[in-house]
N, C-alpha and C. Protein backbone atom coordinates (compact mmCIF):
# COMPACT_ATOMS: atom_id res chain seq x y z
N UNK A 1 0.64 6.61 29.59
CA UNK A 1 -0.42 7.00 28.67
C UNK A 1 -1.69 7.26 29.48
N UNK A 2 -2.38 8.37 29.20
CA UNK A 2 -3.60 8.67 29.95
C UNK A 2 -4.68 7.61 29.70
N UNK A 3 -5.53 7.43 30.68
CA UNK A 3 -6.62 6.46 30.54
C UNK A 3 -7.64 6.97 29.53
N UNK A 4 -8.25 6.04 28.84
CA UNK A 4 -9.31 6.39 27.90
C UNK A 4 -10.57 6.77 28.66
N UNK A 5 -11.42 7.52 28.02
CA UNK A 5 -12.72 7.83 28.62
C UNK A 5 -13.51 6.53 28.76
N UNK A 6 -14.48 6.53 29.65
CA UNK A 6 -15.32 5.34 29.83
C UNK A 6 -16.02 5.00 28.52
N UNK A 7 -16.43 6.02 27.79
CA UNK A 7 -17.11 5.80 26.51
C UNK A 7 -16.18 5.08 25.53
N UNK A 8 -14.94 5.53 25.43
CA UNK A 8 -13.99 4.90 24.51
C UNK A 8 -13.60 3.51 24.99
N UNK A 9 -13.45 3.34 26.29
CA UNK A 9 -13.03 2.05 26.83
C UNK A 9 -14.06 0.95 26.59
N UNK A 10 -15.33 1.30 26.56
CA UNK A 10 -16.36 0.28 26.36
C UNK A 10 -16.65 0.01 24.88
N UNK A 11 -15.98 0.74 24.00
CA UNK A 11 -16.19 0.56 22.56
C UNK A 11 -15.30 -0.57 22.05
N UNK A 12 -15.93 -1.53 21.41
CA UNK A 12 -15.18 -2.66 20.84
C UNK A 12 -14.74 -2.34 19.43
N UNK A 13 -13.62 -2.94 19.03
CA UNK A 13 -13.15 -2.79 17.66
C UNK A 13 -14.20 -3.40 16.73
N UNK A 14 -14.55 -2.66 15.71
CA UNK A 14 -15.56 -3.15 14.77
C UNK A 14 -15.07 -4.42 14.10
N UNK A 15 -15.97 -5.35 13.91
CA UNK A 15 -15.62 -6.64 13.28
C UNK A 15 -15.05 -6.44 11.89
N UNK A 16 -15.46 -5.38 11.21
CA UNK A 16 -14.95 -5.15 9.86
C UNK A 16 -13.45 -4.91 9.86
N UNK A 17 -12.92 -4.27 10.91
CA UNK A 17 -11.48 -4.03 10.98
C UNK A 17 -10.72 -5.33 11.24
N UNK A 18 -11.28 -6.19 12.09
CA UNK A 18 -10.65 -7.49 12.34
C UNK A 18 -10.67 -8.33 11.06
N UNK A 19 -11.78 -8.27 10.33
CA UNK A 19 -11.87 -9.00 9.06
C UNK A 19 -10.84 -8.49 8.06
N UNK A 20 -10.68 -7.18 7.99
CA UNK A 20 -9.73 -6.59 7.05
C UNK A 20 -8.30 -6.99 7.40
N UNK A 21 -7.97 -6.99 8.70
CA UNK A 21 -6.63 -7.40 9.12
C UNK A 21 -6.38 -8.86 8.77
N UNK A 22 -7.37 -9.69 8.98
CA UNK A 22 -7.23 -11.12 8.64
C UNK A 22 -7.05 -11.30 7.13
N UNK A 23 -7.81 -10.57 6.34
CA UNK A 23 -7.69 -10.66 4.89
C UNK A 23 -6.30 -10.23 4.43
N UNK A 24 -5.77 -9.14 5.02
CA UNK A 24 -4.41 -8.69 4.67
C UNK A 24 -3.38 -9.75 5.02
N UNK A 25 -3.53 -10.38 6.18
CA UNK A 25 -2.59 -11.41 6.60
C UNK A 25 -2.65 -12.61 5.66
N UNK A 26 -3.84 -13.01 5.28
CA UNK A 26 -3.98 -14.14 4.35
C UNK A 26 -3.39 -13.81 2.98
N UNK A 27 -3.61 -12.58 2.51
CA UNK A 27 -3.01 -12.16 1.23
C UNK A 27 -1.50 -12.20 1.31
N UNK A 28 -0.96 -11.69 2.43
CA UNK A 28 0.49 -11.66 2.63
C UNK A 28 1.06 -13.07 2.65
N UNK A 29 0.25 -14.04 3.06
CA UNK A 29 0.69 -15.44 3.10
C UNK A 29 0.48 -16.12 1.75
N UNK A 30 0.03 -15.36 0.75
CA UNK A 30 -0.10 -15.91 -0.59
C UNK A 30 -1.47 -16.44 -0.96
N UNK A 31 -2.45 -16.24 -0.12
CA UNK A 31 -3.81 -16.71 -0.42
C UNK A 31 -4.56 -15.69 -1.27
N UNK A 32 -5.42 -16.20 -2.14
CA UNK A 32 -6.29 -15.34 -2.94
C UNK A 32 -7.52 -15.04 -2.09
N UNK A 33 -7.72 -13.77 -1.73
CA UNK A 33 -8.78 -13.39 -0.80
C UNK A 33 -9.68 -12.33 -1.42
N UNK A 34 -10.96 -12.52 -1.27
CA UNK A 34 -11.93 -11.48 -1.61
C UNK A 34 -12.48 -10.98 -0.28
N UNK A 35 -12.09 -9.77 0.09
CA UNK A 35 -12.50 -9.22 1.38
C UNK A 35 -13.80 -8.45 1.24
N UNK A 36 -14.75 -8.77 2.09
CA UNK A 36 -16.03 -8.06 2.13
C UNK A 36 -16.11 -7.23 3.41
N UNK A 37 -14.97 -6.66 3.81
CA UNK A 37 -14.92 -5.98 5.10
C UNK A 37 -15.09 -4.47 5.03
N UNK A 38 -14.10 -3.75 4.59
CA UNK A 38 -14.10 -2.30 4.73
C UNK A 38 -14.80 -1.51 3.63
N UNK A 39 -15.04 -2.11 2.53
CA UNK A 39 -15.66 -1.37 1.44
C UNK A 39 -14.68 -0.52 0.67
N UNK A 40 -13.40 -0.86 0.73
CA UNK A 40 -12.41 -0.14 -0.06
C UNK A 40 -12.55 -0.52 -1.52
N UNK A 41 -12.30 0.43 -2.41
CA UNK A 41 -12.35 0.09 -3.83
C UNK A 41 -11.32 -0.98 -4.17
N UNK A 42 -11.67 -1.85 -5.11
CA UNK A 42 -10.73 -2.89 -5.53
C UNK A 42 -10.02 -2.49 -6.82
N UNK A 43 -9.91 -1.18 -7.03
CA UNK A 43 -9.24 -0.66 -8.22
C UNK A 43 -8.40 0.54 -7.80
N UNK A 44 -7.36 0.84 -8.57
CA UNK A 44 -6.53 1.99 -8.22
C UNK A 44 -7.27 3.31 -8.47
N UNK A 45 -6.77 4.36 -7.86
CA UNK A 45 -7.36 5.68 -8.09
C UNK A 45 -7.23 6.04 -9.57
N UNK A 46 -8.32 6.43 -10.21
CA UNK A 46 -8.26 6.77 -11.63
C UNK A 46 -7.29 7.92 -11.90
N UNK A 47 -6.59 7.87 -13.03
CA UNK A 47 -5.59 8.90 -13.35
C UNK A 47 -6.13 10.33 -13.33
N UNK A 48 -7.38 10.55 -13.77
CA UNK A 48 -7.89 11.92 -13.79
C UNK A 48 -8.07 12.49 -12.38
N UNK A 49 -8.31 11.62 -11.41
CA UNK A 49 -8.43 12.08 -10.02
C UNK A 49 -7.05 12.41 -9.47
N UNK A 50 -6.08 11.57 -9.78
CA UNK A 50 -4.70 11.85 -9.36
C UNK A 50 -4.24 13.18 -9.97
N UNK A 51 -4.53 13.37 -11.24
CA UNK A 51 -4.13 14.61 -11.92
C UNK A 51 -4.83 15.82 -11.30
N UNK A 52 -6.12 15.70 -10.98
CA UNK A 52 -6.85 16.81 -10.37
C UNK A 52 -6.26 17.17 -9.01
N UNK A 53 -5.89 16.16 -8.22
CA UNK A 53 -5.26 16.42 -6.92
C UNK A 53 -3.91 17.11 -7.11
N UNK A 54 -3.15 16.66 -8.09
CA UNK A 54 -1.85 17.26 -8.39
C UNK A 54 -2.03 18.73 -8.79
N UNK A 55 -2.97 18.99 -9.69
CA UNK A 55 -3.21 20.36 -10.15
C UNK A 55 -3.67 21.26 -9.00
N UNK A 56 -4.49 20.73 -8.11
CA UNK A 56 -4.93 21.51 -6.95
C UNK A 56 -3.72 21.88 -6.09
N UNK A 57 -2.80 20.95 -5.91
CA UNK A 57 -1.58 21.24 -5.17
C UNK A 57 -0.73 22.29 -5.86
N UNK A 58 -0.64 22.21 -7.17
CA UNK A 58 0.11 23.20 -7.94
C UNK A 58 -0.51 24.60 -7.82
N UNK A 59 -1.81 24.67 -7.66
CA UNK A 59 -2.49 25.96 -7.50
C UNK A 59 -2.42 26.47 -6.06
N UNK A 60 -1.81 25.71 -5.19
CA UNK A 60 -1.70 26.13 -3.79
C UNK A 60 -2.90 25.78 -2.95
N UNK A 61 -3.77 24.92 -3.44
CA UNK A 61 -4.95 24.51 -2.67
C UNK A 61 -4.55 23.39 -1.71
N UNK A 62 -3.76 23.78 -0.71
CA UNK A 62 -3.19 22.79 0.22
C UNK A 62 -3.55 23.08 1.67
N UNK A 63 -4.42 24.02 1.91
CA UNK A 63 -4.80 24.40 3.27
C UNK A 63 -6.14 23.76 3.64
N UNK A 64 -6.47 23.85 4.91
CA UNK A 64 -7.77 23.34 5.34
C UNK A 64 -8.88 24.12 4.65
N UNK A 65 -9.89 23.43 4.16
CA UNK A 65 -11.02 24.13 3.53
C UNK A 65 -11.95 24.69 4.61
N UNK A 66 -12.91 25.50 4.23
CA UNK A 66 -13.89 25.98 5.20
C UNK A 66 -14.66 24.80 5.81
N UNK A 67 -15.07 24.96 7.05
CA UNK A 67 -15.88 23.94 7.71
C UNK A 67 -17.13 23.71 6.88
N UNK A 68 -17.39 22.47 6.53
CA UNK A 68 -18.57 22.15 5.73
C UNK A 68 -18.31 22.10 4.24
N UNK A 69 -17.09 22.48 3.80
CA UNK A 69 -16.75 22.37 2.38
C UNK A 69 -16.64 23.70 1.66
N UNK A 70 -15.93 23.68 0.56
CA UNK A 70 -15.78 24.89 -0.25
C UNK A 70 -17.06 25.17 -1.02
N UNK A 71 -17.25 26.42 -1.38
CA UNK A 71 -18.45 26.78 -2.13
C UNK A 71 -18.47 26.08 -3.49
N UNK A 72 -17.29 25.96 -4.12
CA UNK A 72 -17.24 25.30 -5.44
C UNK A 72 -17.68 23.85 -5.34
N UNK A 73 -17.24 23.14 -4.30
CA UNK A 73 -17.63 21.74 -4.14
C UNK A 73 -19.12 21.63 -3.82
N UNK A 74 -19.60 22.51 -2.96
CA UNK A 74 -21.03 22.49 -2.63
C UNK A 74 -21.87 22.76 -3.88
N UNK A 75 -21.43 23.69 -4.72
CA UNK A 75 -22.17 23.97 -5.96
C UNK A 75 -22.15 22.76 -6.89
N UNK A 76 -21.02 22.05 -6.94
CA UNK A 76 -20.94 20.85 -7.77
C UNK A 76 -21.91 19.78 -7.26
N UNK A 77 -22.00 19.62 -5.94
CA UNK A 77 -22.94 18.66 -5.35
C UNK A 77 -24.37 19.09 -5.65
N UNK A 78 -24.63 20.38 -5.50
CA UNK A 78 -25.97 20.92 -5.78
C UNK A 78 -26.38 20.64 -7.23
N UNK A 79 -25.45 20.88 -8.16
CA UNK A 79 -25.73 20.65 -9.58
C UNK A 79 -25.96 19.17 -9.87
N UNK A 80 -25.19 18.30 -9.21
CA UNK A 80 -25.35 16.85 -9.41
C UNK A 80 -26.74 16.41 -8.96
N UNK A 81 -27.18 16.88 -7.79
CA UNK A 81 -28.52 16.51 -7.31
C UNK A 81 -29.61 17.06 -8.24
N UNK A 82 -29.42 18.26 -8.75
CA UNK A 82 -30.41 18.84 -9.66
C UNK A 82 -30.47 18.04 -10.96
N UNK A 83 -29.30 17.68 -11.47
CA UNK A 83 -29.22 16.98 -12.75
C UNK A 83 -29.69 15.53 -12.64
N UNK A 84 -29.22 14.81 -11.62
CA UNK A 84 -29.47 13.37 -11.54
C UNK A 84 -30.72 12.98 -10.76
N UNK A 85 -31.08 13.75 -9.74
CA UNK A 85 -32.25 13.40 -8.93
C UNK A 85 -33.38 14.41 -9.07
N UNK A 86 -33.15 15.46 -9.87
CA UNK A 86 -34.17 16.51 -10.06
C UNK A 86 -34.56 17.14 -8.72
N UNK A 87 -33.58 17.31 -7.83
CA UNK A 87 -33.81 17.90 -6.52
C UNK A 87 -33.19 19.29 -6.45
N UNK A 88 -33.89 20.21 -5.82
CA UNK A 88 -33.39 21.56 -5.61
C UNK A 88 -32.89 21.64 -4.17
N UNK A 89 -31.59 21.47 -3.99
CA UNK A 89 -30.99 21.47 -2.65
C UNK A 89 -30.28 22.80 -2.43
N UNK A 90 -30.59 23.46 -1.34
CA UNK A 90 -29.95 24.75 -1.02
C UNK A 90 -28.50 24.51 -0.60
N UNK A 91 -27.62 25.44 -0.96
CA UNK A 91 -26.20 25.30 -0.60
C UNK A 91 -26.02 25.14 0.91
N UNK A 92 -26.83 25.87 1.70
CA UNK A 92 -26.67 25.78 3.16
C UNK A 92 -27.12 24.43 3.71
N UNK A 93 -27.77 23.62 2.90
CA UNK A 93 -28.18 22.27 3.32
C UNK A 93 -27.17 21.21 2.91
N UNK A 94 -26.07 21.62 2.31
CA UNK A 94 -25.03 20.68 1.88
C UNK A 94 -23.85 20.79 2.83
N UNK A 95 -23.46 19.67 3.39
CA UNK A 95 -22.33 19.61 4.32
C UNK A 95 -21.35 18.58 3.81
N UNK A 96 -20.14 19.00 3.53
CA UNK A 96 -19.11 18.11 3.02
C UNK A 96 -18.32 17.55 4.20
N UNK A 97 -18.13 16.24 4.20
CA UNK A 97 -17.33 15.58 5.23
C UNK A 97 -16.25 14.74 4.57
N UNK A 98 -15.40 14.13 5.39
CA UNK A 98 -14.34 13.27 4.87
C UNK A 98 -14.87 11.94 4.38
N UNK A 99 -16.11 11.65 4.64
CA UNK A 99 -16.71 10.39 4.21
C UNK A 99 -18.02 10.16 4.93
N UNK A 100 -18.71 9.12 4.50
CA UNK A 100 -19.99 8.80 5.08
C UNK A 100 -19.91 8.45 6.56
N UNK A 101 -18.86 7.75 6.94
CA UNK A 101 -18.72 7.34 8.34
C UNK A 101 -18.59 8.57 9.25
N UNK A 102 -17.81 9.55 8.82
CA UNK A 102 -17.68 10.77 9.61
C UNK A 102 -19.01 11.51 9.68
N UNK A 103 -19.73 11.57 8.57
CA UNK A 103 -21.02 12.27 8.55
C UNK A 103 -22.00 11.61 9.52
N UNK A 104 -22.07 10.29 9.49
CA UNK A 104 -22.97 9.57 10.39
C UNK A 104 -22.57 9.81 11.84
N UNK A 105 -21.27 9.72 12.13
CA UNK A 105 -20.79 9.95 13.49
C UNK A 105 -21.16 11.36 13.96
N UNK A 106 -20.92 12.36 13.12
CA UNK A 106 -21.22 13.74 13.49
C UNK A 106 -22.71 13.92 13.80
N UNK A 107 -23.57 13.38 12.96
CA UNK A 107 -25.01 13.53 13.16
C UNK A 107 -25.45 12.84 14.45
N UNK A 108 -24.97 11.62 14.68
CA UNK A 108 -25.36 10.89 15.88
C UNK A 108 -24.86 11.60 17.13
N UNK A 109 -23.61 12.03 17.13
CA UNK A 109 -23.06 12.71 18.31
C UNK A 109 -23.77 14.04 18.57
N UNK A 110 -24.26 14.68 17.53
CA UNK A 110 -24.93 15.97 17.70
C UNK A 110 -26.38 15.84 18.13
N UNK A 111 -26.98 14.67 17.96
CA UNK A 111 -28.42 14.55 18.20
C UNK A 111 -28.84 13.53 19.25
N UNK A 112 -27.96 12.60 19.61
CA UNK A 112 -28.35 11.51 20.51
C UNK A 112 -27.83 11.76 21.92
N UNK A 113 -28.73 11.64 22.90
CA UNK A 113 -28.37 11.75 24.31
C UNK A 113 -28.39 10.37 24.94
N UNK A 114 -27.82 10.27 26.15
CA UNK A 114 -27.84 9.00 26.87
C UNK A 114 -29.26 8.48 26.98
N UNK A 115 -29.44 7.22 26.60
CA UNK A 115 -30.74 6.58 26.70
C UNK A 115 -31.66 6.76 25.51
N UNK A 116 -31.32 7.66 24.59
CA UNK A 116 -32.15 7.81 23.40
C UNK A 116 -32.10 6.53 22.57
N UNK A 117 -33.20 6.20 21.96
CA UNK A 117 -33.27 5.02 21.09
C UNK A 117 -33.16 5.45 19.63
N UNK A 118 -32.44 4.65 18.86
CA UNK A 118 -32.26 4.92 17.44
C UNK A 118 -32.68 3.67 16.67
N UNK A 119 -33.64 3.81 15.79
CA UNK A 119 -34.13 2.69 15.00
C UNK A 119 -33.15 2.43 13.85
N UNK A 120 -32.72 1.18 13.74
CA UNK A 120 -31.76 0.78 12.71
C UNK A 120 -32.35 -0.41 11.96
N UNK A 121 -32.42 -0.32 10.63
CA UNK A 121 -32.88 -1.48 9.87
C UNK A 121 -31.86 -2.60 9.94
N UNK A 122 -32.33 -3.85 9.99
CA UNK A 122 -31.42 -5.00 10.04
C UNK A 122 -31.76 -5.93 8.89
N UNK A 123 -30.76 -6.38 8.16
CA UNK A 123 -29.34 -6.22 8.44
C UNK A 123 -28.87 -4.79 8.16
N UNK A 124 -27.77 -4.43 8.84
CA UNK A 124 -27.25 -3.07 8.71
C UNK A 124 -25.74 -3.09 8.79
N UNK A 125 -25.15 -2.00 8.37
CA UNK A 125 -23.72 -1.79 8.52
C UNK A 125 -23.40 -1.77 10.01
N UNK A 126 -22.35 -2.47 10.42
CA UNK A 126 -21.99 -2.60 11.84
C UNK A 126 -21.72 -1.26 12.50
N UNK A 127 -21.27 -0.29 11.75
CA UNK A 127 -20.93 1.01 12.31
C UNK A 127 -22.10 1.77 12.91
N UNK A 128 -23.32 1.52 12.43
CA UNK A 128 -24.48 2.22 12.99
C UNK A 128 -24.64 1.89 14.47
N UNK A 129 -24.65 0.61 14.79
CA UNK A 129 -24.83 0.19 16.18
C UNK A 129 -23.73 0.76 17.06
N UNK A 130 -22.49 0.63 16.61
CA UNK A 130 -21.35 1.08 17.40
C UNK A 130 -21.40 2.60 17.63
N UNK A 131 -21.76 3.35 16.62
CA UNK A 131 -21.81 4.81 16.74
C UNK A 131 -22.91 5.23 17.71
N UNK A 132 -24.08 4.61 17.61
CA UNK A 132 -25.18 4.93 18.51
C UNK A 132 -24.78 4.61 19.95
N UNK A 133 -24.16 3.46 20.17
CA UNK A 133 -23.72 3.09 21.52
C UNK A 133 -22.66 4.05 22.05
N UNK A 134 -21.74 4.46 21.19
CA UNK A 134 -20.69 5.40 21.60
C UNK A 134 -21.31 6.70 22.10
N UNK A 135 -22.39 7.12 21.47
CA UNK A 135 -23.07 8.36 21.87
C UNK A 135 -23.93 8.19 23.11
N UNK A 136 -24.05 6.95 23.61
CA UNK A 136 -24.87 6.70 24.79
C UNK A 136 -26.29 6.29 24.45
N UNK A 137 -26.55 6.12 23.16
CA UNK A 137 -27.88 5.72 22.73
C UNK A 137 -28.06 4.22 22.73
N UNK A 138 -29.29 3.81 22.46
CA UNK A 138 -29.63 2.39 22.42
C UNK A 138 -30.12 2.04 21.02
N UNK A 139 -29.40 1.17 20.31
CA UNK A 139 -29.88 0.74 19.00
C UNK A 139 -31.13 -0.13 19.14
N UNK A 140 -32.11 0.12 18.30
CA UNK A 140 -33.32 -0.69 18.24
C UNK A 140 -33.40 -1.22 16.81
N UNK A 141 -33.22 -2.53 16.67
CA UNK A 141 -33.17 -3.11 15.33
C UNK A 141 -34.56 -3.53 14.86
N UNK A 142 -34.84 -3.21 13.62
CA UNK A 142 -36.08 -3.62 12.97
C UNK A 142 -35.70 -4.51 11.80
N UNK A 143 -36.15 -5.76 11.86
CA UNK A 143 -35.80 -6.73 10.82
C UNK A 143 -36.41 -6.33 9.48
N UNK A 144 -35.59 -6.42 8.46
CA UNK A 144 -36.02 -6.15 7.08
C UNK A 144 -35.79 -7.44 6.29
N UNK A 145 -36.81 -7.88 5.60
CA UNK A 145 -36.73 -9.19 4.95
C UNK A 145 -36.41 -9.08 3.46
N UNK A 146 -35.88 -10.16 2.96
CA UNK A 146 -35.57 -10.25 1.53
C UNK A 146 -36.84 -10.10 0.70
N UNK A 147 -37.95 -10.59 1.22
CA UNK A 147 -39.21 -10.51 0.46
C UNK A 147 -39.64 -9.07 0.20
N UNK A 148 -39.13 -8.13 1.02
CA UNK A 148 -39.41 -6.71 0.82
C UNK A 148 -38.17 -5.96 0.35
N UNK A 149 -37.25 -6.70 -0.27
CA UNK A 149 -35.99 -6.11 -0.76
C UNK A 149 -35.22 -5.40 0.34
N UNK A 150 -35.35 -5.91 1.57
CA UNK A 150 -34.67 -5.37 2.74
C UNK A 150 -35.01 -3.91 3.01
N UNK A 151 -36.22 -3.51 2.64
CA UNK A 151 -36.72 -2.17 2.91
C UNK A 151 -37.60 -2.24 4.15
N UNK A 152 -37.32 -1.37 5.12
CA UNK A 152 -38.12 -1.35 6.34
C UNK A 152 -39.56 -0.98 5.99
N UNK A 153 -40.49 -1.72 6.56
CA UNK A 153 -41.90 -1.49 6.31
C UNK A 153 -42.45 -0.47 7.31
N UNK A 154 -43.33 0.42 6.86
CA UNK A 154 -43.86 1.47 7.74
C UNK A 154 -44.45 0.93 9.04
N UNK A 155 -45.20 -0.17 8.99
CA UNK A 155 -45.80 -0.71 10.22
C UNK A 155 -44.73 -1.17 11.20
N UNK A 156 -43.67 -1.79 10.69
CA UNK A 156 -42.58 -2.23 11.56
C UNK A 156 -41.86 -1.04 12.18
N UNK A 157 -41.67 0.00 11.38
CA UNK A 157 -41.03 1.22 11.86
C UNK A 157 -41.86 1.85 12.98
N UNK A 158 -43.15 2.00 12.73
CA UNK A 158 -44.04 2.62 13.72
C UNK A 158 -44.10 1.80 15.00
N UNK A 159 -44.05 0.47 14.89
CA UNK A 159 -44.10 -0.38 16.08
C UNK A 159 -42.85 -0.23 16.94
N UNK A 160 -41.75 0.19 16.35
CA UNK A 160 -40.49 0.33 17.09
C UNK A 160 -40.37 1.68 17.80
N UNK A 161 -41.23 2.61 17.48
CA UNK A 161 -41.14 3.96 18.05
C UNK A 161 -41.64 3.96 19.49
N UNK A 162 -40.84 4.57 20.37
CA UNK A 162 -41.20 4.76 21.78
C UNK A 162 -40.98 6.23 22.12
N UNK A 163 -41.33 6.64 23.33
CA UNK A 163 -41.05 8.03 23.72
C UNK A 163 -39.56 8.38 23.71
N UNK A 164 -38.69 7.36 23.75
CA UNK A 164 -37.23 7.62 23.76
C UNK A 164 -36.63 7.63 22.35
N UNK A 165 -37.43 7.37 21.33
CA UNK A 165 -36.92 7.30 19.96
C UNK A 165 -36.58 8.69 19.45
N UNK A 166 -35.41 8.77 18.84
CA UNK A 166 -35.00 10.02 18.17
C UNK A 166 -34.99 9.76 16.70
C-alpha cells in the first residue's frame, strides 16, 4: 500500500468517530446508549423522502449532477431563503454539497495556506480544528461563555486577529 501524504499521516481520527464506534459496541452488547457523537438523526428517513428518491430513480435521475448542484435544487434553496429569512440570494451564490462537513472542508482547503490562522469560537465542533490543521493552518480559539449564549464577542474576535488571520 502506498504511503500516506505527510498531511494525512499527521491527521488524527476525530474523537467523534471513536465515540460513535464505542456507542455502537455498547449497543451491540445490549446497553441503552444515547450517543452525542456524529449528529446522525435518531429517526428513520421519512417516507416522503424515500418516495421522492424512488421517483427520481424512476425518472432516470441517476447520474452525477452538475458541479455545485442542479438549477432546480438551487432555485428551491433560493426560494427557502427568500421565504424564511427574507434574503435575496443569487443562484450563482448557492453551492450545493454533500453536507456541511464537505462544504467546510472545501472552503478551508480553497482559502487557507500553510501558517494562516483561523479564528474558531470555543466550544466548537471538533472538525473545525482538524480541517484547519489538515490545510496547514493554525486554529486560534476564542472562548465563548454561557453568559453570552456562547456567541463570540466583537472585542474578543478583534483581539484574536493578527496579520496571519484569514
